[in-house]
Amino acid sequence: MLTKEQFEVAIKETLNVFRKKFDHEESREGKYFAFWSEDEKTYCEACDDELQIFHGIIVQQLEYNQ
């Protein structure tokens, strides 16, 4: 189990990796993060349109009673 400090370092490192990889970022409530690049899209035959691909991170630290 990670300490709170280890958890925060791991989250910061992960977010930095995503920030370097993707051009755009949006976040909510400090725990929901979405990343994307304009050139990463897929074609949807059912809707006859291109759809943006998003990569998400949800940050949640579980508290355990010991």
Foldseek 3Di string as FASTA:
>chain_A
DDDPVRLVVVVVVVVVVLVVVAPDWDDPPVFKIKGFHPVAWDADPVVRDIDTDIDIGGDDDDDDDD
